[in-house]
Amino acid sequence: SGALSDRQITEAIGRSPLDFASEHGKTQ
């Protein structure tokens, strides 16, 4: 009932300065 939706997570990742382009970043 309290889970985040994929849309909420995607938007938060878009606001984040973190880089997830590397192989390790994709795993993260």
PDB file of all heavy atoms in Angstrom:
ATOM      1  N   SER A   1       0.812  -1.217   0.000  1.00  0.00           N
ATOM      2  CA  SER A   1       0.000   0.000   0.000  1.00  0.00           C
ATOM      3  C   SER A   1       0.846   1.268   0.000  1.00  0.00           C
ATOM      4  O   SER A   1       0.414   2.307  -0.515  1.00  0.00           O
ATOM      5  CB  SER A   1      -0.955   0.000   1.196  1.00  0.00           C
ATOM      6  OG  SER A   1      -0.223  -0.066   2.419  1.00  0.00           O
ATOM      7  N   GLY A   2       2.043   1.229   0.576  1.00  0.00           N
ATOM      8  CA  GLY A   2       2.874   2.427   0.637  1.00  0.00           C
ATOM      9  C   GLY A   2       3.993   2.450  -0.374  1.00  0.00           C
ATOM     10  O   GLY A   2       4.873   3.313  -0.318  1.00  0.00           O
ATOM     11  N   ALA A   3       3.969   1.513  -1.342  1.00  0.00           N
ATOM     12  CA  ALA A   3       5.050   1.429  -2.323  1.00  0.00           C
ATOM     13  C   ALA A   3       5.033   2.613  -3.275  1.00  0.00           C
ATOM     14  O   ALA A   3       3.971   3.166  -3.597  1.00  0.00           O
ATOM     15  CB  ALA A   3       4.935   0.126  -3.101  1.00  0.00           C
ATOM     16  N   LEU A   4       6.206   3.024  -3.731  1.00  0.00           N
ATOM     17  CA  LEU A   4       6.317   4.078  -4.737  1.00  0.00           C
ATOM     18  C   LEU A   4       6.011   3.508  -6.109  1.00  0.00           C
ATOM     19  O   LEU A   4       6.283   2.334  -6.387  1.00  0.00           O
ATOM     20  CB  LEU A   4       7.725   4.674  -4.729  1.00  0.00           C
ATOM     21  CG  LEU A   4       8.165   5.435  -3.471  1.00  0.00           C
ATOM     22  CD1 LEU A   4       9.655   5.744  -3.533  1.00  0.00           C
ATOM     23  CD2 LEU A   4       7.360   6.720  -3.296  1.00  0.00           C
ATOM     24  N   SER A   5       5.487   4.337  -6.980  1.00  0.00           N
ATOM     25  CA  SER A   5       5.241   3.912  -8.360  1.00  0.00           C
ATOM     26  C   SER A   5       6.506   4.102  -9.188  1.00  0.00           C
ATOM     27  O   SER A   5       7.410   4.866  -8.807  1.00  0.00           O
ATOM     28  CB  SER A   5       4.096   4.717  -8.961  1.00  0.00           C
ATOM     29  OG  SER A   5       4.475   6.078  -9.121  1.00  0.00           O
ATOM     30  N   ASP A   6       6.570   3.430 -10.337  1.00  0.00           N
ATOM     31  CA  ASP A   6       7.718   3.609 -11.234  1.00  0.00           C
ATOM     32  C   ASP A   6       7.839   5.066 -11.670  1.00  0.00           C
ATOM     33  O   ASP A   6       8.945   5.592 -11.816  1.00  0.00           O
ATOM     34  CB  ASP A   6       7.570   2.709 -12.462  1.00  0.00           C
ATOM     35  CG  ASP A   6       7.850   1.248 -12.144  1.00  0.00           C
ATOM     36  OD1 ASP A   6       8.269   0.967 -11.002  1.00  0.00           O
ATOM     37  OD2 ASP A   6       7.659   0.384 -13.017  1.00  0.00           O
ATOM     38  N   ARG A   7       6.708   5.726 -11.884  1.00  0.00           N
ATOM     39  CA  ARG A   7       6.739   7.132 -12.308  1.00  0.00           C
ATOM     40  C   ARG A   7       7.375   8.014 -11.224  1.00  0.00           C
ATOM     41  O   ARG A   7       8.221   8.868 -11.526  1.00  0.00           O
ATOM     42  CB  ARG A   7       5.320   7.616 -12.608  1.00  0.00           C
ATOM     43  CG  ARG A   7       5.248   9.093 -13.026  1.00  0.00           C
ATOM     44  CD  ARG A   7       3.810   9.551 -13.188  1.00  0.00           C
ATOM     45  NE  ARG A   7       3.058   9.394 -11.953  1.00  0.00           N
ATOM     46  CZ  ARG A   7       3.127  10.262 -10.935  1.00  0.00           C
ATOM     47  NH1 ARG A   7       3.930  11.308 -10.996  1.00  0.00           N
ATOM     48  NH2 ARG A   7       2.392  10.057  -9.848  1.00  0.00           N
ATOM     49  N   GLN A   8       7.003   7.785  -9.962  1.00  0.00           N
ATOM     50  CA  GLN A   8       7.573   8.577  -8.870  1.00  0.00           C
ATOM     51  C   GLN A   8       9.085   8.368  -8.773  1.00  0.00           C
ATOM     52  O   GLN A   8       9.836   9.327  -8.563  1.00  0.00           O
ATOM     53  CB  GLN A   8       6.913   8.187  -7.546  1.00  0.00           C
ATOM     54  CG  GLN A   8       5.468   8.649  -7.398  1.00  0.00           C
ATOM     55  CD  GLN A   8       4.835   8.113  -6.132  1.00  0.00           C
ATOM     56  OE1 GLN A   8       4.822   6.896  -5.893  1.00  0.00           O
ATOM     57  NE2 GLN A   8       4.310   9.008  -5.304  1.00  0.00           N
ATOM     58  N   ILE A   9       9.515   7.117  -8.939  1.00  0.00           N
ATOM     59  CA  ILE A   9      10.952   6.824  -8.845  1.00  0.00           C
ATOM     60  C   ILE A   9      11.696   7.430 -10.026  1.00  0.00           C
ATOM     61  O   ILE A   9      12.773   8.025  -9.870  1.00  0.00           O
ATOM     62  CB  ILE A   9      11.179   5.304  -8.769  1.00  0.00           C
ATOM     63  CG1 ILE A   9      10.484   4.724  -7.529  1.00  0.00           C
ATOM     64  CG2 ILE A   9      12.669   4.984  -8.737  1.00  0.00           C
ATOM     65  CD1 ILE A   9      10.484   3.210  -7.481  1.00  0.00           C
ATOM     66  N   THR A  10      11.144   7.298 -11.227  1.00  0.00           N
ATOM     67  CA  THR A  10      11.787   7.839 -12.425  1.00  0.00           C
ATOM     68  C   THR A  10      11.948   9.351 -12.319  1.00  0.00           C
ATOM     69  O   THR A  10      13.001   9.904 -12.658  1.00  0.00           O
ATOM     70  CB  THR A  10      10.965   7.484 -13.673  1.00  0.00           C
ATOM     71  OG1 THR A  10      10.856   6.068 -13.782  1.00  0.00           O
ATOM     72  CG2 THR A  10      11.621   8.028 -14.932  1.00  0.00           C
ATOM     73  N   GLU A  11      10.906  10.034 -11.850  1.00  0.00           N
ATOM     74  CA  GLU A  11      10.991  11.496 -11.703  1.00  0.00           C
ATOM     75  C   GLU A  11      12.048  11.881 -10.675  1.00  0.00           C
ATOM     76  O   GLU A  11      12.778  12.863 -10.872  1.00  0.00           O
ATOM     77  CB  GLU A  11       9.621  12.053 -11.301  1.00  0.00           C
ATOM     78  CG  GLU A  11       8.578  11.960 -12.406  1.00  0.00           C
ATOM     79  CD  GLU A  11       7.203  12.432 -11.958  1.00  0.00           C
ATOM     80  OE1 GLU A  11       7.044  12.712 -10.731  1.00  0.00           O
ATOM     81  OE2 GLU A  11       6.293  12.514 -12.794  1.00  0.00           O
ATOM     82  N   ALA A  12      12.141  11.120  -9.589  1.00  0.00           N
ATOM     83  CA  ALA A  12      13.144  11.430  -8.562  1.00  0.00           C
ATOM     84  C   ALA A  12      14.555  11.205  -9.089  1.00  0.00           C
ATOM     85  O   ALA A  12      15.470  11.998  -8.805  1.00  0.00           O
ATOM     86  CB  ALA A  12      12.891  10.571  -7.324  1.00  0.00           C
ATOM     87  N   ILE A  13      14.748  10.142  -9.861  1.00  0.00           N
ATOM     88  CA  ILE A  13      16.069   9.893 -10.464  1.00  0.00           C
ATOM     89  C   ILE A  13      16.425  11.021 -11.418  1.00  0.00           C
ATOM     90  O   ILE A  13      17.579  11.461 -11.496  1.00  0.00           O
ATOM     91  CB  ILE A  13      16.077   8.531 -11.184  1.00  0.00           C
ATOM     92  CG1 ILE A  13      16.008   7.397 -10.155  1.00  0.00           C
ATOM     93  CG2 ILE A  13      17.329   8.380 -12.055  1.00  0.00           C
ATOM     94  CD1 ILE A  13      15.892   6.013 -10.758  1.00  0.00           C
ATOM     95  N   GLY A  14      15.412  11.526 -12.154  1.00  0.00           N
ATOM     96  CA  GLY A  14      15.643  12.643 -13.068  1.00  0.00           C
ATOM     97  C   GLY A  14      16.072  13.909 -12.351  1.00  0.00           C
ATOM     98  O   GLY A  14      16.822  14.728 -12.907  1.00  0.00           O
ATOM     99  N   ARG A  15      15.617  14.094 -11.125  1.00  0.00           N
ATOM    100  CA  ARG A  15      16.009  15.276 -10.333  1.00  0.00           C
ATOM    101  C   ARG A  15      17.356  15.090  -9.650  1.00  0.00           C
ATOM    102  O   ARG A  15      17.932  16.051  -9.130  1.00  0.00           O
ATOM    103  CB  ARG A  15      14.944  15.569  -9.268  1.00  0.00           C
ATOM    104  CG  ARG A  15      13.601  16.020  -9.811  1.00  0.00           C
ATOM    105  CD  ARG A  15      12.691  16.504  -8.679  1.00  0.00           C
ATOM    106  NE  ARG A  15      12.287  15.418  -7.787  1.00  0.00           N
ATOM    107  CZ  ARG A  15      11.164  14.723  -7.904  1.00  0.00           C
ATOM    108  NH1 ARG A  15      10.337  14.979  -8.908  1.00  0.00           N
ATOM    109  NH2 ARG A  15      10.852  13.774  -7.038  1.00  0.00           N
ATOM    110  N   SER A  16      17.863  13.858  -9.616  1.00  0.00           N
ATOM    111  CA  SER A  16      19.094  13.558  -8.883  1.00  0.00           C
ATOM    112  C   SER A  16      20.334  13.936  -9.691  1.00  0.00           C
ATOM    113  O   SER A  16      20.377  13.739 -10.907  1.00  0.00           O
ATOM    114  CB  SER A  16      19.138  12.065  -8.544  1.00  0.00           C
ATOM    115  OG  SER A  16      20.405  11.708  -8.019  1.00  0.00           O
ATOM    116  N   PRO A  17      21.373  14.452  -9.030  1.00  0.00           N
ATOM    117  CA  PRO A  17      22.633  14.750  -9.730  1.00  0.00           C
ATOM    118  C   PRO A  17      23.497  13.507  -9.936  1.00  0.00           C
ATOM    119  O   PRO A  17      24.542  13.584 -10.582  1.00  0.00           O
ATOM    120  CB  PRO A  17      23.319  15.743  -8.784  1.00  0.00           C
ATOM    121  CG  PRO A  17      22.827  15.352  -7.419  1.00  0.00           C
ATOM    122  CD  PRO A  17      21.413  14.883  -7.617  1.00  0.00           C
ATOM    123  N   LEU A  18      23.091  12.376  -9.390  1.00  0.00           N
ATOM    124  CA  LEU A  18      23.900  11.159  -9.506  1.00  0.00           C
ATOM    125  C   LEU A  18      23.911  10.650 -10.938  1.00  0.00           C
ATOM    126  O   LEU A  18      22.925  10.761 -11.670  1.00  0.00           O
ATOM    127  CB  LEU A  18      23.355  10.077  -8.575  1.00  0.00           C
ATOM    128  CG  LEU A  18      23.386  10.379  -7.078  1.00  0.00           C
ATOM    129  CD1 LEU A  18      22.719   9.251  -6.290  1.00  0.00           C
ATOM    130  CD2 LEU A  18      24.814  10.567  -6.601  1.00  0.00           C
ATOM    131  N   ASP A  19      25.047  10.065 -11.331  1.00  0.00           N
ATOM    132  CA  ASP A  19      25.216   9.515 -12.682  1.00  0.00           C
ATOM    133  C   ASP A  19      25.099   7.993 -12.608  1.00  0.00           C
ATOM    134  O   ASP A  19      25.884   7.328 -11.925  1.00  0.00           O
ATOM    135  CB  ASP A  19      26.588   9.913 -13.233  1.00  0.00           C
ATOM    136  CG  ASP A  19      26.809   9.395 -14.646  1.00  0.00           C
ATOM    137  OD1 ASP A  19      25.831   8.905 -15.263  1.00  0.00           O
ATOM    138  OD2 ASP A  19      27.952   9.485 -15.131  1.00  0.00           O
ATOM    139  N   PHE A  20      24.118   7.455 -13.310  1.00  0.00           N
ATOM    140  CA  PHE A  20      23.898   6.011 -13.303  1.00  0.00           C
ATOM    141  C   PHE A  20      24.254   5.381 -14.650  1.00  0.00           C
ATOM    142  O   PHE A  20      23.734   4.334 -15.008  1.00  0.00           O
ATOM    143  CB  PHE A  20      22.433   5.704 -12.961  1.00  0.00           C
ATOM    144  CG  PHE A  20      22.016   6.173 -11.598  1.00  0.00           C
ATOM    145  CD1 PHE A  20      21.197   7.282 -11.446  1.00  0.00           C
ATOM    146  CD2 PHE A  20      22.458   5.517 -10.455  1.00  0.00           C
ATOM    147  CE1 PHE A  20      20.802   7.714 -10.186  1.00  0.00           C
ATOM    148  CE2 PHE A  20      22.085   5.947  -9.198  1.00  0.00           C
ATOM    149  CZ  PHE A  20      21.254   7.046  -9.060  1.00  0.00           C
ATOM    150  N   ALA A  21      25.155   6.033 -15.404  1.00  0.00           N
ATOM    151  CA  ALA A  21      25.463   5.563 -16.762  1.00  0.00           C
ATOM    152  C   ALA A  21      26.387   4.349 -16.768  1.00  0.00           C
ATOM    153  O   ALA A  21      26.334   3.534 -17.690  1.00  0.00           O
ATOM    154  CB  ALA A  21      26.086   6.697 -17.572  1.00  0.00           C
ATOM    155  N   SER A  22      27.242   4.213 -15.750  1.00  0.00           N
ATOM    156  CA  SER A  22      28.192   3.092 -15.734  1.00  0.00           C
ATOM    157  C   SER A  22      27.475   1.780 -15.447  1.00  0.00           C
ATOM    158  O   SER A  22      26.299   1.761 -15.088  1.00  0.00           O
ATOM    159  CB  SER A  22      29.266   3.332 -14.683  1.00  0.00           C
ATOM    160  OG  SER A  22      28.683   3.284 -13.382  1.00  0.00           O
ATOM    161  N   GLU A  23      28.199   0.679 -15.602  1.00  0.00           N
ATOM    162  CA  GLU A  23      27.614  -0.635 -15.309  1.00  0.00           C
ATOM    163  C   GLU A  23      27.187  -0.707 -13.842  1.00  0.00           C
ATOM    164  O   GLU A  23      26.119  -1.222 -13.525  1.00  0.00           O
ATOM    165  CB  GLU A  23      28.619  -1.746 -15.621  1.00  0.00           C
ATOM    166  CG  GLU A  23      28.749  -2.067 -17.101  1.00  0.00           C
ATOM    167  CD  GLU A  23      27.415  -2.489 -17.707  1.00  0.00           C
ATOM    168  OE1 GLU A  23      26.714  -3.322 -17.102  1.00  0.00           O
ATOM    169  OE2 GLU A  23      27.063  -1.969 -18.776  1.00  0.00           O
ATOM    170  N   HIS A  24      28.049  -0.190 -12.966  1.00  0.00           N
ATOM    171  CA  HIS A  24      27.691  -0.187 -11.549  1.00  0.00           C
ATOM    172  C   HIS A  24      26.487   0.732 -11.309  1.00  0.00           C
ATOM    173  O   HIS A  24      25.595   0.401 -10.520  1.00  0.00           O
ATOM    174  CB  HIS A  24      28.872   0.275 -10.702  1.00  0.00           C
ATOM    175  CG  HIS A  24      28.591   0.262  -9.225  1.00  0.00           C
ATOM    176  ND1 HIS A  24      28.566  -0.892  -8.480  1.00  0.00           N
ATOM    177  CD2 HIS A  24      28.289   1.275  -8.357  1.00  0.00           C
ATOM    178  CE1 HIS A  24      28.273  -0.606  -7.225  1.00  0.00           C
ATOM    179  NE2 HIS A  24      28.100   0.700  -7.121  1.00  0.00           N
ATOM    180  N   GLY A  25      26.458   1.868 -12.017  1.00  0.00           N
ATOM    181  CA  GLY A  25      25.333   2.785 -11.874  1.00  0.00           C
ATOM    182  C   GLY A  25      24.020   2.159 -12.308  1.00  0.00           C
ATOM    183  O   GLY A  25      22.967   2.393 -11.688  1.00  0.00           O
ATOM    184  N   LYS A  26      24.060   1.344 -13.358  1.00  0.00           N
ATOM    185  CA  LYS A  26      22.845   0.662 -13.814  1.00  0.00           C
ATOM    186  C   LYS A  26      22.355  -0.324 -12.754  1.00  0.00           C
ATOM    187  O   LYS A  26      21.147  -0.478 -12.550  1.00  0.00           O
ATOM    188  CB  LYS A  26      23.116  -0.058 -15.135  1.00  0.00           C
ATOM    189  CG  LYS A  26      23.378   0.880 -16.303  1.00  0.00           C
ATOM    190  CD  LYS A  26      23.764   0.114 -17.565  1.00  0.00           C
ATOM    191  CE  LYS A  26      24.094   1.077 -18.711  1.00  0.00           C
ATOM    192  NZ  LYS A  26      24.554   0.353 -19.917  1.00  0.00           N
ATOM    193  N   THR A  27      23.302  -0.979 -12.089  1.00  0.00           N
ATOM    194  CA  THR A  27      22.928  -1.897 -11.011  1.00  0.00           C
ATOM    195  C   THR A  27      22.305  -1.131  -9.852  1.00  0.00           C
ATOM    196  O   THR A  27      21.313  -1.565  -9.261  1.00  0.00           O
ATOM    197  CB  THR A  27      24.158  -2.669 -10.518  1.00  0.00           C
ATOM    198  OG1 THR A  27      24.777  -3.334 -11.624  1.00  0.00           O
ATOM    199  CG2 THR A  27      23.776  -3.713  -9.482  1.00  0.00           C
ATOM    200  N   GLN A  28      22.892   0.027  -9.524  1.00  0.00           N
ATOM    201  CA  GLN A  28      22.330   0.866  -8.473  1.00  0.00           C
ATOM    202  C   GLN A  28      20.913   1.329  -8.832  1.00  0.00           C
ATOM    203  O   GLN A  28      20.014   1.337  -7.990  1.00  0.00           O
ATOM    204  CB  GLN A  28      23.215   2.090  -8.236  1.00  0.00           C
ATOM    205  CG  GLN A  28      24.515   1.796  -7.506  1.00  0.00           C
ATOM    206  CD  GLN A  28      25.314   3.057  -7.270  1.00  0.00           C
ATOM    207  OE1 GLN A  28      25.516   3.854  -8.192  1.00  0.00           O
ATOM    208  NE2 GLN A  28      25.759   3.271  -6.048  1.00  0.00           N
TER     209      GLN A  28
END
